[in-house]
Amino acid sequence: FRKRLVLKLAAAVTNAATGMTLTDAHNGLRALRVDAAHVVN
């Protein structure tokens, strides 16, 4: 429960800052096409 609550709060803060609609903003499993990987800094 507590971790879910914090993760949901993190997603809400991230979505407000980015305009995205993620359900899970702090998940370390990602697949990026190479053009997207070049965006990361």
PDB file of all heavy atoms in Angstrom:
ATOM      1  N   PHE A   1       0.813  -1.218   0.000  1.00  0.00           N
ATOM      2  CA  PHE A   1       0.000   0.000   0.000  1.00  0.00           C
ATOM      3  C   PHE A   1       0.847   1.269   0.000  1.00  0.00           C
ATOM      4  O   PHE A   1       0.625   2.177  -0.793  1.00  0.00           O
ATOM      5  CB  PHE A   1      -0.933  -0.004   1.216  1.00  0.00           C
ATOM      6  CG  PHE A   1      -1.720   1.282   1.356  1.00  0.00           C
ATOM      7  CD1 PHE A   1      -2.815   1.533   0.545  1.00  0.00           C
ATOM      8  CD2 PHE A   1      -1.334   2.238   2.286  1.00  0.00           C
ATOM      9  CE1 PHE A   1      -3.530   2.727   0.660  1.00  0.00           C
ATOM     10  CE2 PHE A   1      -2.039   3.427   2.405  1.00  0.00           C
ATOM     11  CZ  PHE A   1      -3.149   3.666   1.603  1.00  0.00           C
ATOM     12  N   ARG A   2       1.832   1.355   0.900  1.00  0.00           N
ATOM     13  CA  ARG A   2       2.605   2.597   1.025  1.00  0.00           C
ATOM     14  C   ARG A   2       3.436   2.861  -0.223  1.00  0.00           C
ATOM     15  O   ARG A   2       3.495   3.995  -0.705  1.00  0.00           O
ATOM     16  CB  ARG A   2       3.485   2.546   2.269  1.00  0.00           C
ATOM     17  CG  ARG A   2       2.710   2.648   3.577  1.00  0.00           C
ATOM     18  CD  ARG A   2       3.645   2.694   4.762  1.00  0.00           C
ATOM     19  NE  ARG A   2       4.489   1.512   4.834  1.00  0.00           N
ATOM     20  CZ  ARG A   2       5.531   1.379   5.643  1.00  0.00           C
ATOM     21  NH1 ARG A   2       5.873   2.377   6.447  1.00  0.00           N
ATOM     22  NH2 ARG A   2       6.232   0.265   5.668  1.00  0.00           N
ATOM     23  N   LYS A   3       4.085   1.832  -0.734  1.00  0.00           N
ATOM     24  CA  LYS A   3       4.895   2.021  -1.937  1.00  0.00           C
ATOM     25  C   LYS A   3       4.012   2.395  -3.131  1.00  0.00           C
ATOM     26  O   LYS A   3       4.372   3.250  -3.937  1.00  0.00           O
ATOM     27  CB  LYS A   3       5.696   0.759  -2.248  1.00  0.00           C
ATOM     28  CG  LYS A   3       6.744   0.943  -3.349  1.00  0.00           C
ATOM     29  CD  LYS A   3       7.604  -0.295  -3.489  1.00  0.00           C
ATOM     30  CE  LYS A   3       8.695  -0.088  -4.528  1.00  0.00           C
ATOM     31  NZ  LYS A   3       9.717   0.863  -4.076  1.00  0.00           N
ATOM     32  N   ARG A   4       2.855   1.744  -3.241  1.00  0.00           N
ATOM     33  CA  ARG A   4       1.931   2.085  -4.314  1.00  0.00           C
ATOM     34  C   ARG A   4       1.534   3.562  -4.229  1.00  0.00           C
ATOM     35  O   ARG A   4       1.483   4.264  -5.243  1.00  0.00           O
ATOM     36  CB  ARG A   4       0.684   1.201  -4.242  1.00  0.00           C
ATOM     37  CG  ARG A   4      -0.341   1.470  -5.330  1.00  0.00           C
ATOM     38  CD  ARG A   4      -1.586   0.624  -5.098  1.00  0.00           C
ATOM     39  NE  ARG A   4      -1.294  -0.785  -5.225  1.00  0.00           N
ATOM     40  CZ  ARG A   4      -1.383  -1.461  -6.366  1.00  0.00           C
ATOM     41  NH1 ARG A   4      -1.742  -0.839  -7.481  1.00  0.00           N
ATOM     42  NH2 ARG A   4      -1.112  -2.748  -6.396  1.00  0.00           N
ATOM     43  N   LEU A   5       1.258   4.023  -3.020  1.00  0.00           N
ATOM     44  CA  LEU A   5       0.843   5.408  -2.823  1.00  0.00           C
ATOM     45  C   LEU A   5       1.936   6.376  -3.264  1.00  0.00           C
ATOM     46  O   LEU A   5       1.671   7.353  -3.986  1.00  0.00           O
ATOM     47  CB  LEU A   5       0.489   5.630  -1.348  1.00  0.00           C
ATOM     48  CG  LEU A   5      -0.071   7.004  -0.989  1.00  0.00           C
ATOM     49  CD1 LEU A   5      -1.408   7.227  -1.684  1.00  0.00           C
ATOM     50  CD2 LEU A   5      -0.234   7.109   0.535  1.00  0.00           C
ATOM     51  N   VAL A   6       3.177   6.102  -2.847  1.00  0.00           N
ATOM     52  CA  VAL A   6       4.291   6.987  -3.213  1.00  0.00           C
ATOM     53  C   VAL A   6       4.529   6.955  -4.716  1.00  0.00           C
ATOM     54  O   VAL A   6       4.758   8.003  -5.352  1.00  0.00           O
ATOM     55  CB  VAL A   6       5.560   6.602  -2.434  1.00  0.00           C
ATOM     56  CG1 VAL A   6       6.770   7.338  -2.977  1.00  0.00           C
ATOM     57  CG2 VAL A   6       5.388   6.906  -0.955  1.00  0.00           C
ATOM     58  N   LEU A   7       4.475   5.771  -5.323  1.00  0.00           N
ATOM     59  CA  LEU A   7       4.689   5.663  -6.771  1.00  0.00           C
ATOM     60  C   LEU A   7       3.591   6.372  -7.549  1.00  0.00           C
ATOM     61  O   LEU A   7       3.858   6.997  -8.588  1.00  0.00           O
ATOM     62  CB  LEU A   7       4.768   4.192  -7.180  1.00  0.00           C
ATOM     63  CG  LEU A   7       6.027   3.445  -6.726  1.00  0.00           C
ATOM     64  CD1 LEU A   7       5.866   1.949  -6.946  1.00  0.00           C
ATOM     65  CD2 LEU A   7       7.258   3.955  -7.471  1.00  0.00           C
ATOM     66  N   LYS A   8       2.356   6.299  -7.071  1.00  0.00           N
ATOM     67  CA  LYS A   8       1.258   6.999  -7.730  1.00  0.00           C
ATOM     68  C   LYS A   8       1.442   8.510  -7.606  1.00  0.00           C
ATOM     69  O   LYS A   8       1.168   9.268  -8.551  1.00  0.00           O
ATOM     70  CB  LYS A   8      -0.080   6.574  -7.118  1.00  0.00           C
ATOM     71  CG  LYS A   8      -0.508   5.160  -7.478  1.00  0.00           C
ATOM     72  CD  LYS A   8      -0.899   5.038  -8.940  1.00  0.00           C
ATOM     73  CE  LYS A   8      -1.515   3.702  -9.255  1.00  0.00           C
ATOM     74  NZ  LYS A   8      -1.898   3.594 -10.691  1.00  0.00           N
ATOM     75  N   LEU A   9       1.925   8.963  -6.454  1.00  0.00           N
ATOM     76  CA  LEU A   9       2.200  10.388  -6.276  1.00  0.00           C
ATOM     77  C   LEU A   9       3.314  10.842  -7.203  1.00  0.00           C
ATOM     78  O   LEU A   9       3.230  11.910  -7.828  1.00  0.00           O
ATOM     79  CB  LEU A   9       2.559  10.667  -4.816  1.00  0.00           C
ATOM     80  CG  LEU A   9       2.914  12.121  -4.467  1.00  0.00           C
ATOM     81  CD1 LEU A   9       1.777  13.056  -4.824  1.00  0.00           C
ATOM     82  CD2 LEU A   9       3.269  12.231  -2.983  1.00  0.00           C
ATOM     83  N   ALA A  10       4.375  10.027  -7.307  1.00  0.00           N
ATOM     84  CA  ALA A  10       5.472  10.367  -8.218  1.00  0.00           C
ATOM     85  C   ALA A  10       4.975  10.452  -9.658  1.00  0.00           C
ATOM     86  O   ALA A  10       5.382  11.348 -10.416  1.00  0.00           O
ATOM     87  CB  ALA A  10       6.582   9.322  -8.097  1.00  0.00           C
ATOM     88  N   ALA A  11       4.094   9.542 -10.052  1.00  0.00           N
ATOM     89  CA  ALA A  11       3.545   9.582 -11.410  1.00  0.00           C
ATOM     90  C   ALA A  11       2.724  10.840 -11.625  1.00  0.00           C
ATOM     91  O   ALA A  11       2.810  11.479 -12.689  1.00  0.00           O
ATOM     92  CB  ALA A  11       2.705   8.341 -11.673  1.00  0.00           C
ATOM     93  N   ALA A  12       1.930  11.228 -10.628  1.00  0.00           N
ATOM     94  CA  ALA A  12       1.104  12.426 -10.760  1.00  0.00           C
ATOM     95  C   ALA A  12       1.962  13.679 -10.907  1.00  0.00           C
ATOM     96  O   ALA A  12       1.682  14.552 -11.743  1.00  0.00           O
ATOM     97  CB  ALA A  12       0.181  12.558  -9.544  1.00  0.00           C
ATOM     98  N   VAL A  13       3.038  13.763 -10.094  1.00  0.00           N
ATOM     99  CA  VAL A  13       3.932  14.917 -10.184  1.00  0.00           C
ATOM    100  C   VAL A  13       4.623  14.946 -11.545  1.00  0.00           C
ATOM    101  O   VAL A  13       4.722  15.994 -12.199  1.00  0.00           O
ATOM    102  CB  VAL A  13       4.975  14.878  -9.047  1.00  0.00           C
ATOM    103  CG1 VAL A  13       6.045  15.938  -9.249  1.00  0.00           C
ATOM    104  CG2 VAL A  13       4.294  15.049  -7.701  1.00  0.00           C
ATOM    105  N   THR A  14       5.103  13.795 -11.994  1.00  0.00           N
ATOM    106  CA  THR A  14       5.787  13.720 -13.286  1.00  0.00           C
ATOM    107  C   THR A  14       4.838  14.059 -14.421  1.00  0.00           C
ATOM    108  O   THR A  14       5.194  14.803 -15.357  1.00  0.00           O
ATOM    109  CB  THR A  14       6.360  12.306 -13.497  1.00  0.00           C
ATOM    110  OG1 THR A  14       7.270  12.019 -12.437  1.00  0.00           O
ATOM    111  CG2 THR A  14       7.099  12.212 -14.823  1.00  0.00           C
ATOM    112  N   ASN A  15       3.615  13.552 -14.373  1.00  0.00           N
ATOM    113  CA  ASN A  15       2.650  13.837 -15.430  1.00  0.00           C
ATOM    114  C   ASN A  15       2.313  15.323 -15.493  1.00  0.00           C
ATOM    115  O   ASN A  15       2.181  15.894 -16.583  1.00  0.00           O
ATOM    116  CB  ASN A  15       1.378  13.014 -15.214  1.00  0.00           C
ATOM    117  CG  ASN A  15       1.591  11.534 -15.468  1.00  0.00           C
ATOM    118  OD1 ASN A  15       2.570  11.140 -16.082  1.00  0.00           O
ATOM    119  ND2 ASN A  15       0.670  10.713 -14.996  1.00  0.00           N
ATOM    120  N   ALA A  16       2.188  15.948 -14.323  1.00  0.00           N
ATOM    121  CA  ALA A  16       1.892  17.375 -14.297  1.00  0.00           C
ATOM    122  C   ALA A  16       3.033  18.185 -14.918  1.00  0.00           C
ATOM    123  O   ALA A  16       2.805  19.202 -15.582  1.00  0.00           O
ATOM    124  CB  ALA A  16       1.644  17.831 -12.858  1.00  0.00           C
ATOM    125  N   ALA A  17       4.265  17.719 -14.725  1.00  0.00           N
ATOM    126  CA  ALA A  17       5.431  18.439 -15.247  1.00  0.00           C
ATOM    127  C   ALA A  17       5.664  18.193 -16.732  1.00  0.00           C
ATOM    128  O   ALA A  17       6.249  19.030 -17.418  1.00  0.00           O
ATOM    129  CB  ALA A  17       6.673  18.046 -14.457  1.00  0.00           C
ATOM    130  N   THR A  18       5.215  17.035 -17.235  1.00  0.00           N
ATOM    131  CA  THR A  18       5.555  16.653 -18.611  1.00  0.00           C
ATOM    132  C   THR A  18       4.366  16.645 -19.559  1.00  0.00           C
ATOM    133  O   THR A  18       4.558  16.602 -20.776  1.00  0.00           O
ATOM    134  CB  THR A  18       6.173  15.241 -18.639  1.00  0.00           C
ATOM    135  OG1 THR A  18       5.190  14.285 -18.205  1.00  0.00           O
ATOM    136  CG2 THR A  18       7.388  15.158 -17.729  1.00  0.00           C
ATOM    137  N   GLY A  19       3.143  16.673 -19.025  1.00  0.00           N
ATOM    138  CA  GLY A  19       1.969  16.563 -19.881  1.00  0.00           C
ATOM    139  C   GLY A  19       1.691  15.148 -20.335  1.00  0.00           C
ATOM    140  O   GLY A  19       0.791  14.929 -21.157  1.00  0.00           O
ATOM    141  N   MET A  20       2.444  14.175 -19.823  1.00  0.00           N
ATOM    142  CA  MET A  20       2.216  12.778 -20.171  1.00  0.00           C
ATOM    143  C   MET A  20       1.144  12.187 -19.247  1.00  0.00           C
ATOM    144  O   MET A  20       0.694  12.846 -18.306  1.00  0.00           O
ATOM    145  CB  MET A  20       3.520  11.999 -20.088  1.00  0.00           C
ATOM    146  CG  MET A  20       4.595  12.520 -21.029  1.00  0.00           C
ATOM    147  SD  MET A  20       6.182  11.643 -20.896  1.00  0.00           S
ATOM    148  CE  MET A  20       5.832  10.171 -21.865  1.00  0.00           C
ATOM    149  N   THR A  21       0.741  10.971 -19.526  1.00  0.00           N
ATOM    150  CA  THR A  21      -0.301  10.312 -18.727  1.00  0.00           C
ATOM    151  C   THR A  21       0.172   8.924 -18.301  1.00  0.00           C
ATOM    152  O   THR A  21      -0.469   7.923 -18.598  1.00  0.00           O
ATOM    153  CB  THR A  21      -1.614  10.203 -19.522  1.00  0.00           C
ATOM    154  OG1 THR A  21      -1.337   9.571 -20.779  1.00  0.00           O
ATOM    155  CG2 THR A  21      -2.221  11.570 -19.763  1.00  0.00           C
ATOM    156  N   LEU A  22       1.294   8.880 -17.641  1.00  0.00           N
ATOM    157  CA  LEU A  22       1.864   7.612 -17.205  1.00  0.00           C
ATOM    158  C   LEU A  22       1.172   7.102 -15.948  1.00  0.00           C
ATOM    159  O   LEU A  22       0.765   7.883 -15.089  1.00  0.00           O
ATOM    160  CB  LEU A  22       3.360   7.775 -16.914  1.00  0.00           C
ATOM    161  CG  LEU A  22       4.257   8.176 -18.086  1.00  0.00           C
ATOM    162  CD1 LEU A  22       5.688   8.343 -17.600  1.00  0.00           C
ATOM    163  CD2 LEU A  22       4.188   7.149 -19.196  1.00  0.00           C
ATOM    164  N   THR A  23       1.102   5.780 -15.842  1.00  0.00           N
ATOM    165  CA  THR A  23       0.606   5.171 -14.608  1.00  0.00           C
ATOM    166  C   THR A  23       1.742   4.818 -13.661  1.00  0.00           C
ATOM    167  O   THR A  23       1.511   4.573 -12.481  1.00  0.00           O
ATOM    168  CB  THR A  23      -0.195   3.898 -14.924  1.00  0.00           C
ATOM    169  OG1 THR A  23       0.662   2.952 -15.583  1.00  0.00           O
ATOM    170  CG2 THR A  23      -1.394   4.211 -15.818  1.00  0.00           C
ATOM    171  N   ASP A  24       2.979   4.764 -14.175  1.00  0.00           N
ATOM    172  CA  ASP A  24       4.126   4.313 -13.377  1.00  0.00           C
ATOM    173  C   ASP A  24       5.380   5.022 -13.877  1.00  0.00           C
ATOM    174  O   ASP A  24       6.047   4.551 -14.790  1.00  0.00           O
ATOM    175  CB  ASP A  24       4.276   2.798 -13.509  1.00  0.00           C
ATOM    176  CG  ASP A  24       5.298   2.212 -12.539  1.00  0.00           C
ATOM    177  OD1 ASP A  24       5.903   2.978 -11.762  1.00  0.00           O
ATOM    178  OD2 ASP A  24       5.484   0.982 -12.569  1.00  0.00           O
ATOM    179  N   ALA A  25       5.701   6.162 -13.268  1.00  0.00           N
ATOM    180  CA  ALA A  25       6.803   6.992 -13.762  1.00  0.00           C
ATOM    181  C   ALA A  25       8.166   6.531 -13.275  1.00  0.00           C
ATOM    182  O   ALA A  25       9.194   6.979 -13.784  1.00  0.00           O
ATOM    183  CB  ALA A  25       6.580   8.454 -13.347  1.00  0.00           C
ATOM    184  N   HIS A  26       8.208   5.624 -12.278  1.00  0.00           N
ATOM    185  CA  HIS A  26       9.479   5.214 -11.683  1.00  0.00           C
ATOM    186  C   HIS A  26       9.752   3.733 -11.903  1.00  0.00           C
ATOM    187  O   HIS A  26      10.227   3.032 -11.023  1.00  0.00           O
ATOM    188  CB  HIS A  26       9.500   5.551 -10.191  1.00  0.00           C
ATOM    189  CG  HIS A  26       9.864   6.978  -9.926  1.00  0.00           C
ATOM    190  ND1 HIS A  26      10.939   7.356  -9.168  1.00  0.00           N
ATOM    191  CD2 HIS A  26       9.300   8.131 -10.351  1.00  0.00           C
ATOM    192  CE1 HIS A  26      11.020   8.674  -9.126  1.00  0.00           C
ATOM    193  NE2 HIS A  26      10.029   9.169  -9.836  1.00  0.00           N
ATOM    194  N   ASN A  27       9.500   3.283 -13.108  1.00  0.00           N
ATOM    195  CA  ASN A  27       9.781   1.899 -13.470  1.00  0.00           C
ATOM    196  C   ASN A  27      11.063   1.874 -14.288  1.00  0.00           C
ATOM    197  O   ASN A  27      11.172   2.563 -15.311  1.00  0.00           O
ATOM    198  CB  ASN A  27       8.612   1.332 -14.289  1.00  0.00           C
ATOM    199  CG  ASN A  27       8.638  -0.175 -14.381  1.00  0.00           C
ATOM    200  OD1 ASN A  27       9.645  -0.766 -14.743  1.00  0.00           O
ATOM    201  ND2 ASN A  27       7.523  -0.809 -14.060  1.00  0.00           N
ATOM    202  N   GLY A  28      12.027   1.068 -13.854  1.00  0.00           N
ATOM    203  CA  GLY A  28      13.343   1.065 -14.502  1.00  0.00           C
ATOM    204  C   GLY A  28      13.425   0.252 -15.772  1.00  0.00           C
ATOM    205  O   GLY A  28      14.467   0.261 -16.438  1.00  0.00           O
ATOM    206  N   LEU A  29      12.345  -0.447 -16.144  1.00  0.00           N
ATOM    207  CA  LEU A  29      12.357  -1.248 -17.370  1.00  0.00           C
ATOM    208  C   LEU A  29      11.803  -0.405 -18.507  1.00  0.00           C
ATOM    209  O   LEU A  29      10.626  -0.034 -18.508  1.00  0.00           O
ATOM    210  CB  LEU A  29      11.524  -2.522 -17.173  1.00  0.00           C
ATOM    211  CG  LEU A  29      11.486  -3.508 -18.344  1.00  0.00           C
ATOM    212  CD1 LEU A  29      12.883  -3.898 -18.797  1.00  0.00           C
ATOM    213  CD2 LEU A  29      10.695  -4.750 -17.968  1.00  0.00           C
ATOM    214  N   ARG A  30      12.669  -0.111 -19.470  1.00  0.00           N
ATOM    215  CA  ARG A  30      12.302   0.742 -20.603  1.00  0.00           C
ATOM    216  C   ARG A  30      12.912   0.167 -21.872  1.00  0.00           C
ATOM    217  O   ARG A  30      14.017  -0.380 -21.834  1.00  0.00           O
ATOM    218  CB  ARG A  30      12.828   2.174 -20.422  1.00  0.00           C
ATOM    219  CG  ARG A  30      12.592   2.801 -19.065  1.00  0.00           C
ATOM    220  CD  ARG A  30      13.342   4.116 -18.927  1.00  0.00           C
ATOM    221  NE  ARG A  30      13.256   4.675 -17.590  1.00  0.00           N
ATOM    222  CZ  ARG A  30      14.110   4.407 -16.603  1.00  0.00           C
ATOM    223  NH1 ARG A  30      15.131   3.563 -16.823  1.00  0.00           N
ATOM    224  NH2 ARG A  30      13.974   4.975 -15.423  1.00  0.00           N
ATOM    225  N   ALA A  31      12.218   0.351 -22.990  1.00  0.00           N
ATOM    226  CA  ALA A  31      12.781   0.026 -24.299  1.00  0.00           C
ATOM    227  C   ALA A  31      12.740   1.290 -25.142  1.00  0.00           C
ATOM    228  O   ALA A  31      11.673   1.869 -25.351  1.00  0.00           O
ATOM    229  CB  ALA A  31      11.988  -1.086 -24.976  1.00  0.00           C
ATOM    230  N   LEU A  32      13.913   1.711 -25.585  1.00  0.00           N
ATOM    231  CA  LEU A  32      14.043   2.955 -26.343  1.00  0.00           C
ATOM    232  C   LEU A  32      14.611   2.658 -27.717  1.00  0.00           C
ATOM    233  O   LEU A  32      15.639   1.984 -27.838  1.00  0.00           O
ATOM    234  CB  LEU A  32      14.984   3.929 -25.623  1.00  0.00           C
ATOM    235  CG  LEU A  32      14.684   4.241 -24.160  1.00  0.00           C
ATOM    236  CD1 LEU A  32      15.754   5.175 -23.601  1.00  0.00           C
ATOM    237  CD2 LEU A  32      13.299   4.850 -24.010  1.00  0.00           C
ATOM    238  N   ARG A  33      13.941   3.148 -28.741  1.00  0.00           N
ATOM    239  CA  ARG A  33      14.558   3.131 -30.062  1.00  0.00           C
ATOM    240  C   ARG A  33      15.765   4.052 -30.007  1.00  0.00           C
ATOM    241  O   ARG A  33      15.811   4.977 -29.190  1.00  0.00           O
ATOM    242  CB  ARG A  33      13.523   3.590 -31.094  1.00  0.00           C
ATOM    243  CG  ARG A  33      13.718   3.058 -32.495  1.00  0.00           C
ATOM    244  CD  ARG A  33      12.509   3.361 -33.341  1.00  0.00           C
ATOM    245  NE  ARG A  33      12.261   4.809 -33.418  1.00  0.00           N
ATOM    246  CZ  ARG A  33      11.123   5.335 -33.862  1.00  0.00           C
ATOM    247  NH1 ARG A  33      10.125   4.556 -34.252  1.00  0.00           N
ATOM    248  NH2 ARG A  33      10.973   6.649 -33.905  1.00  0.00           N
ATOM    249  N   VAL A  34      16.719   3.842 -30.879  1.00  0.00           N
ATOM    250  CA  VAL A  34      17.988   4.569 -30.738  1.00  0.00           C
ATOM    251  C   VAL A  34      17.797   6.077 -30.853  1.00  0.00           C
ATOM    252  O   VAL A  34      18.523   6.848 -30.211  1.00  0.00           O
ATOM    253  CB  VAL A  34      19.042   4.031 -31.737  1.00  0.00           C
ATOM    254  CG1 VAL A  34      18.695   4.416 -33.168  1.00  0.00           C
ATOM    255  CG2 VAL A  34      20.438   4.492 -31.339  1.00  0.00           C
ATOM    256  N   ASP A  35      16.822   6.546 -31.648  1.00  0.00           N
ATOM    257  CA  ASP A  35      16.606   7.995 -31.729  1.00  0.00           C
ATOM    258  C   ASP A  35      16.120   8.539 -30.387  1.00  0.00           C
ATOM    259  O   ASP A  35      16.480   9.659 -29.994  1.00  0.00           O
ATOM    260  CB  ASP A  35      15.650   8.363 -32.863  1.00  0.00           C
ATOM    261  CG  ASP A  35      14.329   7.610 -32.824  1.00  0.00           C
ATOM    262  OD1 ASP A  35      14.259   6.543 -32.200  1.00  0.00           O
ATOM    263  OD2 ASP A  35      13.362   8.088 -33.457  1.00  0.00           O
ATOM    264  N   ALA A  36      15.318   7.766 -29.667  1.00  0.00           N
ATOM    265  CA  ALA A  36      14.896   8.182 -28.330  1.00  0.00           C
ATOM    266  C   ALA A  36      16.061   8.121 -27.344  1.00  0.00           C
ATOM    267  O   ALA A  36      16.194   8.993 -26.470  1.00  0.00           O
ATOM    268  CB  ALA A  36      13.749   7.297 -27.846  1.00  0.00           C
ATOM    269  N   ALA A  37      16.908   7.120 -27.478  1.00  0.00           N
ATOM    270  CA  ALA A  37      18.073   7.015 -26.587  1.00  0.00           C
ATOM    271  C   ALA A  37      18.984   8.231 -26.725  1.00  0.00           C
ATOM    272  O   ALA A  37      19.602   8.671 -25.749  1.00  0.00           O
ATOM    273  CB  ALA A  37      18.848   5.737 -26.887  1.00  0.00           C
ATOM    274  N   HIS A  38      19.053   8.808 -27.917  1.00  0.00           N
ATOM    275  CA  HIS A  38      19.892   9.993 -28.122  1.00  0.00           C
ATOM    276  C   HIS A  38      19.329  11.242 -27.448  1.00  0.00           C
ATOM    277  O   HIS A  38      20.048  12.224 -27.278  1.00  0.00           O
ATOM    278  CB  HIS A  38      20.090  10.238 -29.616  1.00  0.00           C
ATOM    279  CG  HIS A  38      21.192   9.417 -30.214  1.00  0.00           C
ATOM    280  ND1 HIS A  38      22.524   9.714 -30.042  1.00  0.00           N
ATOM    281  CD2 HIS A  38      21.156   8.301 -30.974  1.00  0.00           C
ATOM    282  CE1 HIS A  38      23.270   8.822 -30.678  1.00  0.00           C
ATOM    283  NE2 HIS A  38      22.457   7.948 -31.245  1.00  0.00           N
ATOM    284  N   VAL A  39      18.059  11.193 -27.052  1.00  0.00           N
ATOM    285  CA  VAL A  39      17.448  12.329 -26.355  1.00  0.00           C
ATOM    286  C   VAL A  39      17.886  12.383 -24.895  1.00  0.00           C
ATOM    287  O   VAL A  39      17.895  13.442 -24.269  1.00  0.00           O
ATOM    288  CB  VAL A  39      15.904  12.208 -26.453  1.00  0.00           C
ATOM    289  CG1 VAL A  39      15.200  13.182 -25.525  1.00  0.00           C
ATOM    290  CG2 VAL A  39      15.446  12.401 -27.892  1.00  0.00           C
ATOM    291  N   VAL A  40      18.279  11.248 -24.335  1.00  0.00           N
ATOM    292  CA  VAL A  40      18.534  11.133 -22.898  1.00  0.00           C
ATOM    293  C   VAL A  40      19.852  11.806 -22.529  1.00  0.00           C
ATOM    294  O   VAL A  40      20.914  11.479 -23.061  1.00  0.00           O
ATOM    295  CB  VAL A  40      18.554   9.658 -22.469  1.00  0.00           C
ATOM    296  CG1 VAL A  40      18.889   9.531 -20.982  1.00  0.00           C
ATOM    297  CG2 VAL A  40      17.208   8.995 -22.785  1.00  0.00           C
ATOM    298  N   ASN A  41      19.760  12.754 -21.588  1.00  0.00           N
ATOM    299  CA  ASN A  41      20.942  13.458 -21.086  1.00  0.00           C
ATOM    300  C   ASN A  41      20.718  13.728 -19.604  1.00  0.00           C
ATOM    301  O   ASN A  41      20.371  14.834 -19.191  1.00  0.00           O
ATOM    302  CB  ASN A  41      21.180  14.758 -21.850  1.00  0.00           C
ATOM    303  CG  ASN A  41      22.422  15.494 -21.364  1.00  0.00           C
ATOM    304  OD1 ASN A  41      23.345  14.899 -20.827  1.00  0.00           O
ATOM    305  ND2 ASN A  41      22.428  16.804 -21.531  1.00  0.00           N
TER     306      ASN A  41
END
